[in-house]
Protein backbone atom coordinates (compact mmCIF):
# COMPACT_ATOMS: atom_id res chain seq x y z
CA MET A 1 4.31 10.16 59.82
CA LYS A 2 7.17 11.94 59.44
CA PRO A 3 6.88 15.00 57.06
CA ALA A 4 7.51 15.37 53.85
CA ASN A 5 10.60 17.63 52.08
CA ASP A 6 11.57 18.47 48.87
CA ASN A 7 12.50 14.50 47.75
CA SER A 8 9.71 12.82 48.59
CA ALA A 9 6.89 11.36 46.75
CA GLU A 10 4.39 13.46 48.84
CA VAL A 11 5.98 17.19 47.55
CA THR A 12 4.50 18.70 44.00
CA HIS A 13 6.29 20.97 42.12
CA LEU A 14 3.46 22.94 39.99
CA LYS A 15 2.68 26.13 39.03
CA PRO A 16 -1.07 26.63 41.01
CA CYS A 17 -3.16 26.13 37.92
CA ASP A 18 -1.08 23.01 37.38
CA HIS A 19 -1.46 22.29 40.63
CA GLN A 20 -5.45 22.55 40.45
CA VAL A 21 -5.64 20.97 36.67
CA PHE A 22 -3.21 18.03 38.20
CA PHE A 23 -5.60 17.43 41.99
CA GLU A 24 -8.50 17.80 40.03
CA ALA A 25 -8.19 15.22 37.41
CA LEU A 26 -6.93 12.66 40.19
CA ASP A 27 -10.51 13.45 42.10
CA CYS A 28 -11.80 12.55 38.85
CA LEU A 29 -10.69 9.64 37.53
CA PRO A 30 -12.39 7.86 34.27
CA SER A 31 -13.83 4.70 35.18
CA PRO A 32 -11.60 2.00 32.82
CA PRO A 33 -11.97 0.37 30.05
CA ASP A 34 -13.73 -3.45 29.36
CA ALA A 35 -10.65 -5.04 27.54
CA LEU A 36 -8.55 -3.31 30.67
CA ARG A 37 -11.01 -4.77 32.92
CA ALA A 38 -11.25 -8.42 31.33
CA ALA A 39 -7.27 -8.53 31.55
CA PHE A 40 -7.51 -8.28 35.03
CA ARG A 41 -9.89 -11.06 35.53
CA ARG A 42 -7.99 -13.15 32.83
CA THR A 43 -4.79 -12.32 35.24
CA LYS A 44 -6.36 -13.07 38.73
CA GLU A 45 -7.83 -16.54 37.27
CA ARG A 46 -4.47 -17.55 36.32
CA SER A 47 -2.68 -16.23 39.18
CA PHE A 48 -5.65 -18.15 41.12
CA ARG A 49 -4.92 -21.65 39.05
CA GLN A 50 -1.62 -21.67 39.19
CA ASN A 51 -1.49 -20.62 43.63
CA THR A 52 -4.17 -24.16 43.52
CA TRP A 53 -2.94 -25.82 40.37
CA LEU A 54 -6.61 -25.90 39.40
CA PRO A 55 -6.73 -26.74 35.33
CA LYS A 56 -7.70 -23.75 33.30
CA MET A 57 -11.07 -23.11 32.67
CA ASP A 58 -10.68 -22.10 28.53
């Protein structure tokens, strides 16, 4: 693994208080809403049908 440099996506340039809040938010992500889960499910099913040539299940 290469060491991170200043232009790397692995480096943040935040004030200490912002750094703490940012990474705490990443550690406590909310659950996705039902509508988003349903959208991912439909996309997955559509992709599966397109790749297997199955008829629609609607």
